[in-house]
Amino acid sequence: MKEHFLNETEDSERIAKCFEILTDEQFNEISKNRVRIKYNKKEIIAKQGSFATHIIFIKSGYLKLYIESESDDKDLIINIFGPNQLIGLSSLFESNTYQYSISALVQSELCLFEVNDIKEMIGQNADFALRILKRSHKSTIHAYNQMFNLTHKQLNGRIASAFLYLSRNVFNSPKFKMILSRSELANFTAMSTMSAVRTINELKRQGVITDESGVIEIVDFDALERISKFG
């Protein structure tokens, strides 16, 4: 179920922080066609191959970005995004279609900015353009790292890298609620669900992590780093 919010201004500063380099007038300009939408868990936000008409800002919630396969349970999750993140920046410089799909991992509230409005502002404000490029570059670097992890590391190294990434880059905490299902975690680490469960259980047995009712806590970061590096 989607709920549309037009012309709402509450919490606008939180959105504006992402564009703090802009003047009030400039921010209002890129916001003139902005919409706010709520998505329920598992709702598809963008479909691979569809036109990329908006830049997505996450006001609350978490989204997964993934490459679709012919088999639903074999999709490859490329990244997980949380509050205050932007998605779809590559459409500003490259293809005008999404090269991936995006769906909600939990109930999420998003602000959608029209691509053309952002493009116009990039042409007017060099500092803003630089910030957008830096954000886009960060996502690209993660994609490279993800591909390296999936092609060069063994199963335990992939799971360890995934937990470190979730802790440091998504939740910013050593303790977090696992919002990925076991099959989604398997898709994030390119392994079978059974292998993912077995590897997690081994980390728990070694005392590296704990898992209490779906809440993961990294107990030994040094050990997890070693497993990530040499696994």
C-alpha atoms as a PDB file:
ATOM      1  CA  MET A   1       0.000   0.000   0.000  1.00  0.00           C
ATOM      2  CA  LYS A   2       1.446   3.356  -1.062  1.00  0.00           C
ATOM      3  CA  GLU A   3       0.459   6.657   0.504  1.00  0.00           C
ATOM      4  CA  HIS A   4       1.248   9.859  -1.382  1.00  0.00           C
ATOM      5  CA  PHE A   5       2.120  13.045   0.456  1.00  0.00           C
ATOM      6  CA  LEU A   6       2.102  16.176  -1.659  1.00  0.00           C
ATOM      7  CA  ASN A   7       3.065  19.625  -0.418  1.00  0.00           C
ATOM      8  CA  GLU A   8       4.060  18.416   3.047  1.00  0.00           C
ATOM      9  CA  THR A   9       6.804  20.363   4.790  1.00  0.00           C
ATOM     10  CA  GLU A  10       7.290  18.588   8.133  1.00  0.00           C
ATOM     11  CA  ASP A  11      10.809  17.261   8.686  1.00  0.00           C
ATOM     12  CA  SER A  12      11.938  19.109   5.577  1.00  0.00           C
ATOM     13  CA  GLU A  13      15.244  20.018   7.242  1.00  0.00           C
ATOM     14  CA  ARG A  14      16.128  16.364   7.518  1.00  0.00           C
ATOM     15  CA  ILE A  15      15.760  16.064   3.765  1.00  0.00           C
ATOM     16  CA  ALA A  16      17.532  19.360   3.207  1.00  0.00           C
ATOM     17  CA  LYS A  17      20.618  18.177   5.121  1.00  0.00           C
ATOM     18  CA  CYS A  18      21.362  15.927   2.209  1.00  0.00           C
ATOM     19  CA  PHE A  19      21.501  19.060   0.043  1.00  0.00           C
ATOM     20  CA  GLU A  20      22.935  21.490   2.596  1.00  0.00           C
ATOM     21  CA  ILE A  21      25.228  23.022  -0.010  1.00  0.00           C
ATOM     22  CA  LEU A  22      22.171  24.510  -1.727  1.00  0.00           C
ATOM     23  CA  THR A  23      20.558  27.842  -0.899  1.00  0.00           C
ATOM     24  CA  ASP A  24      16.940  27.794   0.288  1.00  0.00           C
ATOM     25  CA  GLU A  25      15.870  28.958  -3.138  1.00  0.00           C
ATOM     26  CA  GLN A  26      17.828  26.217  -4.870  1.00  0.00           C
ATOM     27  CA  PHE A  27      16.498  23.528  -2.546  1.00  0.00           C
ATOM     28  CA  ASN A  28      12.946  24.708  -3.151  1.00  0.00           C
ATOM     29  CA  GLU A  29      13.629  24.524  -6.866  1.00  0.00           C
ATOM     30  CA  ILE A  30      14.610  20.827  -6.814  1.00  0.00           C
ATOM     31  CA  SER A  31      11.721  20.134  -4.406  1.00  0.00           C
ATOM     32  CA  LYS A  32       8.974  21.640  -6.547  1.00  0.00           C
ATOM     33  CA  ASN A  33       8.063  18.227  -7.993  1.00  0.00           C
ATOM     34  CA  ARG A  34       9.055  16.179  -4.950  1.00  0.00           C
ATOM     35  CA  VAL A  35       6.683  13.528  -3.611  1.00  0.00           C
ATOM     36  CA  ARG A  36       6.752  11.536  -0.396  1.00  0.00           C
ATOM     37  CA  ILE A  37       5.608   7.929  -0.509  1.00  0.00           C
ATOM     38  CA  LYS A  38       5.297   5.168   2.068  1.00  0.00           C
ATOM     39  CA  TYR A  39       6.081   1.608   1.015  1.00  0.00           C
ATOM     40  CA  ASN A  40       5.307  -1.564   2.908  1.00  0.00           C
ATOM     41  CA  LYS A  41       7.790  -4.370   3.454  1.00  0.00           C
ATOM     42  CA  LYS A  42       8.618  -6.256   0.234  1.00  0.00           C
ATOM     43  CA  GLU A  43       6.995  -3.652  -2.033  1.00  0.00           C
ATOM     44  CA  ILE A  44       8.910  -3.024  -5.245  1.00  0.00           C
ATOM     45  CA  ILE A  45       9.999   0.596  -5.605  1.00  0.00           C
ATOM     46  CA  ALA A  46      11.856   0.402  -8.919  1.00  0.00           C
ATOM     47  CA  LYS A  47      11.976  -2.370 -11.495  1.00  0.00           C
ATOM     48  CA  GLN A  48      15.107  -3.399 -13.369  1.00  0.00           C
ATOM     49  CA  GLY A  49      14.847  -2.076 -16.934  1.00  0.00           C
ATOM     50  CA  SER A  50      12.239   0.593 -16.158  1.00  0.00           C
ATOM     51  CA  PHE A  51      12.860   4.299 -16.782  1.00  0.00           C
ATOM     52  CA  ALA A  52      14.771   6.035 -13.984  1.00  0.00           C
ATOM     53  CA  THR A  53      12.634   9.137 -13.524  1.00  0.00           C
ATOM     54  CA  HIS A  54      13.456   9.907  -9.878  1.00  0.00           C
ATOM     55  CA  ILE A  55      16.301  10.080  -7.391  1.00  0.00           C
ATOM     56  CA  ILE A  56      15.256   8.277  -4.211  1.00  0.00           C
ATOM     57  CA  PHE A  57      15.967   9.718  -0.758  1.00  0.00           C
ATOM     58  CA  ILE A  58      15.283   7.417   2.202  1.00  0.00           C
ATOM     59  CA  LYS A  59      13.557   9.335   4.978  1.00  0.00           C
ATOM     60  CA  SER A  60      13.057   6.215   7.090  1.00  0.00           C
ATOM     61  CA  GLY A  61      13.368   2.483   6.601  1.00  0.00           C
ATOM     62  CA  TYR A  62      15.720   0.227   4.649  1.00  0.00           C
ATOM     63  CA  LEU A  63      15.859  -0.786   0.989  1.00  0.00           C
ATOM     64  CA  LYS A  64      17.687  -3.487  -0.925  1.00  0.00           C
ATOM     65  CA  LEU A  65      19.156  -2.974  -4.377  1.00  0.00           C
ATOM     66  CA  TYR A  66      19.447  -6.186  -6.379  1.00  0.00           C
ATOM     67  CA  ILE A  67      20.012  -7.719  -9.789  1.00  0.00           C
ATOM     68  CA  GLU A  68      17.114  -9.900 -10.826  1.00  0.00           C
ATOM     69  CA  SER A  69      17.484 -13.424 -12.125  1.00  0.00           C
ATOM     70  CA  GLU A  70      15.010 -15.741 -13.766  1.00  0.00           C
ATOM     71  CA  SER A  71      14.639 -17.513 -10.425  1.00  0.00           C
ATOM     72  CA  ASP A  72      13.240 -15.299  -7.636  1.00  0.00           C
ATOM     73  CA  ASP A  73      15.339 -16.968  -4.952  1.00  0.00           C
ATOM     74  CA  LYS A  74      18.572 -16.413  -6.901  1.00  0.00           C
ATOM     75  CA  ASP A  75      18.541 -12.602  -7.116  1.00  0.00           C
ATOM     76  CA  LEU A  76      21.889 -10.989  -6.273  1.00  0.00           C
ATOM     77  CA  ILE A  77      21.635  -8.260  -3.641  1.00  0.00           C
ATOM     78  CA  ILE A  78      24.236  -5.590  -4.402  1.00  0.00           C
ATOM     79  CA  ASN A  79      23.629  -3.151  -1.569  1.00  0.00           C
ATOM     80  CA  ILE A  80      21.500  -2.258   1.447  1.00  0.00           C
ATOM     81  CA  PHE A  81      20.546   1.376   2.039  1.00  0.00           C
ATOM     82  CA  GLY A  82      19.195   3.049   5.177  1.00  0.00           C
ATOM     83  CA  PRO A  83      17.965   6.490   6.294  1.00  0.00           C
ATOM     84  CA  ASN A  84      19.436   9.609   4.666  1.00  0.00           C
ATOM     85  CA  GLN A  85      20.827   7.678   1.687  1.00  0.00           C
ATOM     86  CA  LEU A  86      20.310   8.514  -1.985  1.00  0.00           C
ATOM     87  CA  ILE A  87      19.627   5.876  -4.641  1.00  0.00           C
ATOM     88  CA  GLY A  88      19.570   6.206  -8.415  1.00  0.00           C
ATOM     89  CA  LEU A  89      22.431   8.675  -8.864  1.00  0.00           C
ATOM     90  CA  SER A  90      23.905   6.701 -11.769  1.00  0.00           C
ATOM     91  CA  SER A  91      20.871   7.702 -13.848  1.00  0.00           C
ATOM     92  CA  LEU A  92      22.122  11.295 -13.719  1.00  0.00           C
ATOM     93  CA  PHE A  93      25.252  10.446 -15.699  1.00  0.00           C
ATOM     94  CA  GLU A  94      24.685   7.144 -17.495  1.00  0.00           C
ATOM     95  CA  SER A  95      21.669   5.067 -18.490  1.00  0.00           C
ATOM     96  CA  ASN A  96      18.176   6.487 -18.155  1.00  0.00           C
ATOM     97  CA  THR A  97      16.898   3.076 -17.059  1.00  0.00           C
ATOM     98  CA  TYR A  98      17.428   1.235 -13.801  1.00  0.00           C
ATOM     99  CA  GLN A  99      20.114  -1.450 -14.086  1.00  0.00           C
ATOM    100  CA  TYR A 100      18.728  -3.060 -10.911  1.00  0.00           C
ATOM    101  CA  SER A 101      15.545  -3.402  -8.904  1.00  0.00           C
ATOM    102  CA  ILE A 102      14.814  -1.802  -5.518  1.00  0.00           C
ATOM    103  CA  SER A 103      12.408  -3.043  -2.862  1.00  0.00           C
ATOM    104  CA  ALA A 104      11.611  -2.258   0.778  1.00  0.00           C
ATOM    105  CA  LEU A 105      13.069  -4.499   3.483  1.00  0.00           C
ATOM    106  CA  VAL A 106      10.822  -2.874   6.098  1.00  0.00           C
ATOM    107  CA  GLN A 107       8.104  -0.238   5.977  1.00  0.00           C
ATOM    108  CA  SER A 108       9.863   2.776   4.522  1.00  0.00           C
ATOM    109  CA  GLU A 109       9.122   6.412   3.771  1.00  0.00           C
ATOM    110  CA  LEU A 110      10.826   7.889   0.732  1.00  0.00           C
ATOM    111  CA  CYS A 111      11.145  11.265  -0.944  1.00  0.00           C
ATOM    112  CA  LEU A 112      11.361  11.153  -4.724  1.00  0.00           C
ATOM    113  CA  PHE A 113      13.084  13.978  -6.584  1.00  0.00           C
ATOM    114  CA  GLU A 114      12.702  14.265 -10.337  1.00  0.00           C
ATOM    115  CA  VAL A 115      15.906  13.404 -12.179  1.00  0.00           C
ATOM    116  CA  ASN A 116      15.639  16.431 -14.474  1.00  0.00           C
ATOM    117  CA  ASP A 117      15.352  18.809 -11.506  1.00  0.00           C
ATOM    118  CA  ILE A 118      18.548  17.381  -9.996  1.00  0.00           C
ATOM    119  CA  LYS A 119      20.316  17.530 -13.364  1.00  0.00           C
ATOM    120  CA  GLU A 120      19.452  21.204 -13.759  1.00  0.00           C
ATOM    121  CA  MET A 121      20.818  21.993 -10.302  1.00  0.00           C
ATOM    122  CA  ILE A 122      24.041  20.104 -11.059  1.00  0.00           C
ATOM    123  CA  GLY A 123      24.529  22.461 -13.997  1.00  0.00           C
ATOM    124  CA  GLN A 124      23.966  25.504 -11.780  1.00  0.00           C
ATOM    125  CA  ASN A 125      25.952  24.567  -8.663  1.00  0.00           C
ATOM    126  CA  ALA A 126      29.430  23.030  -9.024  1.00  0.00           C
ATOM    127  CA  ASP A 127      29.755  22.228  -5.303  1.00  0.00           C
ATOM    128  CA  PHE A 128      26.447  20.371  -5.391  1.00  0.00           C
ATOM    129  CA  ALA A 129      27.610  18.465  -8.487  1.00  0.00           C
ATOM    130  CA  LEU A 130      30.782  17.439  -6.657  1.00  0.00           C
ATOM    131  CA  ARG A 131      28.810  16.122  -3.676  1.00  0.00           C
ATOM    132  CA  ILE A 132      26.553  14.112  -5.947  1.00  0.00           C
ATOM    133  CA  LEU A 133      29.586  12.647  -7.721  1.00  0.00           C
ATOM    134  CA  LYS A 134      31.172  11.684  -4.400  1.00  0.00           C
ATOM    135  CA  ARG A 135      28.016   9.877  -3.299  1.00  0.00           C
ATOM    136  CA  SER A 136      27.787   8.079  -6.621  1.00  0.00           C
ATOM    137  CA  HIS A 137      31.472   7.136  -6.422  1.00  0.00           C
ATOM    138  CA  LYS A 138      30.986   5.667  -2.929  1.00  0.00           C
ATOM    139  CA  SER A 139      28.242   3.365  -4.223  1.00  0.00           C
ATOM    140  CA  THR A 140      30.430   2.320  -7.141  1.00  0.00           C
ATOM    141  CA  ILE A 141      33.350   1.459  -4.838  1.00  0.00           C
ATOM    142  CA  HIS A 142      31.037  -0.676  -2.716  1.00  0.00           C
ATOM    143  CA  ALA A 143      29.855  -2.536  -5.825  1.00  0.00           C
ATOM    144  CA  TYR A 144      33.493  -3.299  -6.730  1.00  0.00           C
ATOM    145  CA  ASN A 145      34.210  -4.513  -3.193  1.00  0.00           C
ATOM    146  CA  GLN A 146      31.074  -6.625  -3.236  1.00  0.00           C
ATOM    147  CA  MET A 147      32.105  -8.301  -6.482  1.00  0.00           C
ATOM    148  CA  PHE A 148      35.560  -9.009  -5.059  1.00  0.00           C
ATOM    149  CA  ASN A 149      34.090 -10.528  -1.899  1.00  0.00           C
ATOM    150  CA  LEU A 150      31.741 -12.774  -3.842  1.00  0.00           C
ATOM    151  CA  THR A 151      34.348 -14.024  -6.311  1.00  0.00           C
ATOM    152  CA  HIS A 152      37.483 -14.316  -4.137  1.00  0.00           C
ATOM    153  CA  LYS A 153      36.311 -15.260  -0.645  1.00  0.00           C
ATOM    154  CA  GLN A 154      35.099 -18.524   0.801  1.00  0.00           C
ATOM    155  CA  LEU A 155      31.678 -18.823   2.440  1.00  0.00           C
ATOM    156  CA  ASN A 156      32.748 -17.796   5.945  1.00  0.00           C
ATOM    157  CA  GLY A 157      34.641 -14.790   4.562  1.00  0.00           C
ATOM    158  CA  ARG A 158      31.575 -13.627   2.645  1.00  0.00           C
ATOM    159  CA  ILE A 159      29.292 -13.850   5.678  1.00  0.00           C
ATOM    160  CA  ALA A 160      31.875 -12.099   7.852  1.00  0.00           C
ATOM    161  CA  SER A 161      32.221  -9.286   5.306  1.00  0.00           C
ATOM    162  CA  ALA A 162      28.439  -8.954   5.112  1.00  0.00           C
ATOM    163  CA  PHE A 163      28.084  -8.624   8.892  1.00  0.00           C
ATOM    164  CA  LEU A 164      30.891  -6.057   9.054  1.00  0.00           C
ATOM    165  CA  TYR A 165      29.270  -4.042   6.276  1.00  0.00           C
ATOM    166  CA  LEU A 166      25.839  -4.119   7.904  1.00  0.00           C
ATOM    167  CA  SER A 167      27.286  -3.116  11.253  1.00  0.00           C
ATOM    168  CA  ARG A 168      29.485  -0.273  10.002  1.00  0.00           C
ATOM    169  CA  ASN A 169      27.747   1.058   6.927  1.00  0.00           C
ATOM    170  CA  VAL A 170      24.060   0.335   7.366  1.00  0.00           C
ATOM    171  CA  PHE A 171      23.242   0.282  11.098  1.00  0.00           C
ATOM    172  CA  ASN A 172      26.319   2.026  12.569  1.00  0.00           C
ATOM    173  CA  SER A 173      26.212  -0.295  15.567  1.00  0.00           C
ATOM    174  CA  PRO A 174      27.748  -3.625  16.649  1.00  0.00           C
ATOM    175  CA  LYS A 175      24.219  -4.737  17.554  1.00  0.00           C
ATOM    176  CA  PHE A 176      21.372  -4.644  15.050  1.00  0.00           C
ATOM    177  CA  LYS A 177      18.117  -6.337  14.129  1.00  0.00           C
ATOM    178  CA  MET A 178      18.645  -8.604  11.153  1.00  0.00           C
ATOM    179  CA  ILE A 179      16.177  -7.254   8.606  1.00  0.00           C
ATOM    180  CA  LEU A 180      17.377  -9.659   5.918  1.00  0.00           C
ATOM    181  CA  SER A 181      15.773 -13.072   5.817  1.00  0.00           C
ATOM    182  CA  ARG A 182      18.135 -16.040   5.654  1.00  0.00           C
ATOM    183  CA  SER A 183      17.434 -16.366   1.924  1.00  0.00           C
ATOM    184  CA  GLU A 184      18.124 -12.630   1.401  1.00  0.00           C
ATOM    185  CA  LEU A 185      21.381 -12.912   3.348  1.00  0.00           C
ATOM    186  CA  ALA A 186      22.258 -15.825   1.078  1.00  0.00           C
ATOM    187  CA  ASN A 187      21.505 -13.622  -1.948  1.00  0.00           C
ATOM    188  CA  PHE A 188      23.703 -10.886  -0.455  1.00  0.00           C
ATOM    189  CA  THR A 189      26.612 -13.325  -0.154  1.00  0.00           C
ATOM    190  CA  ALA A 190      26.013 -15.474  -3.265  1.00  0.00           C
ATOM    191  CA  MET A 191      25.510 -18.795  -1.508  1.00  0.00           C
ATOM    192  CA  SER A 192      22.684 -21.188  -0.786  1.00  0.00           C
ATOM    193  CA  THR A 193      20.368 -20.516   2.152  1.00  0.00           C
ATOM    194  CA  MET A 194      21.548 -23.724   3.803  1.00  0.00           C
ATOM    195  CA  SER A 195      25.197 -22.633   3.516  1.00  0.00           C
ATOM    196  CA  ALA A 196      24.369 -19.214   4.969  1.00  0.00           C
ATOM    197  CA  VAL A 197      22.597 -20.766   7.969  1.00  0.00           C
ATOM    198  CA  ARG A 198      25.446 -23.212   8.542  1.00  0.00           C
ATOM    199  CA  THR A 199      28.089 -20.458   8.351  1.00  0.00           C
ATOM    200  CA  ILE A 200      26.166 -18.203  10.773  1.00  0.00           C
ATOM    201  CA  ASN A 201      25.834 -21.076  13.226  1.00  0.00           C
ATOM    202  CA  GLU A 202      29.590 -21.643  13.037  1.00  0.00           C
ATOM    203  CA  LEU A 203      30.280 -17.968  13.852  1.00  0.00           C
ATOM    204  CA  LYS A 204      27.920 -18.265  16.806  1.00  0.00           C
ATOM    205  CA  ARG A 205      29.646 -21.462  17.975  1.00  0.00           C
ATOM    206  CA  GLN A 206      33.020 -19.696  17.829  1.00  0.00           C
ATOM    207  CA  GLY A 207      31.670 -16.837  19.944  1.00  0.00           C
ATOM    208  CA  VAL A 208      32.272 -14.246  17.211  1.00  0.00           C
ATOM    209  CA  ILE A 209      28.614 -13.192  17.058  1.00  0.00           C
ATOM    210  CA  THR A 210      25.410 -13.774  19.008  1.00  0.00           C
ATOM    211  CA  ASP A 211      21.911 -14.044  17.580  1.00  0.00           C
ATOM    212  CA  GLU A 212      19.117 -13.469  20.056  1.00  0.00           C
ATOM    213  CA  SER A 213      15.631 -13.515  18.518  1.00  0.00           C
ATOM    214  CA  GLY A 214      16.902 -12.035  15.272  1.00  0.00           C
ATOM    215  CA  VAL A 215      19.149  -9.407  16.884  1.00  0.00           C
ATOM    216  CA  ILE A 216      22.757  -9.842  15.783  1.00  0.00           C
ATOM    217  CA  GLU A 217      25.613  -8.635  17.969  1.00  0.00           C
ATOM    218  CA  ILE A 218      29.236  -8.727  16.877  1.00  0.00           C
ATOM    219  CA  VAL A 219      31.121  -9.814  19.984  1.00  0.00           C
ATOM    220  CA  ASP A 220      34.626 -10.153  18.539  1.00  0.00           C
ATOM    221  CA  PHE A 221      35.343  -7.640  15.771  1.00  0.00           C
ATOM    222  CA  ASP A 222      38.998  -8.702  15.482  1.00  0.00           C
ATOM    223  CA  ALA A 223      38.048 -12.308  14.823  1.00  0.00           C
ATOM    224  CA  LEU A 224      35.386 -11.268  12.340  1.00  0.00           C
ATOM    225  CA  GLU A 225      37.911  -9.051  10.547  1.00  0.00           C
ATOM    226  CA  ARG A 226      40.351 -11.957  10.276  1.00  0.00           C
ATOM    227  CA  ILE A 227      37.657 -14.247   8.903  1.00  0.00           C
ATOM    228  CA  SER A 228      36.601 -11.558   6.431  1.00  0.00           C
ATOM    229  CA  LYS A 229      40.180 -10.993   5.273  1.00  0.00           C
ATOM    230  CA  PHE A 230      41.405 -14.560   5.043  1.00  0.00           C
ATOM    231  CA  GLY A 231      38.142 -16.453   4.560  1.00  0.00           C
END
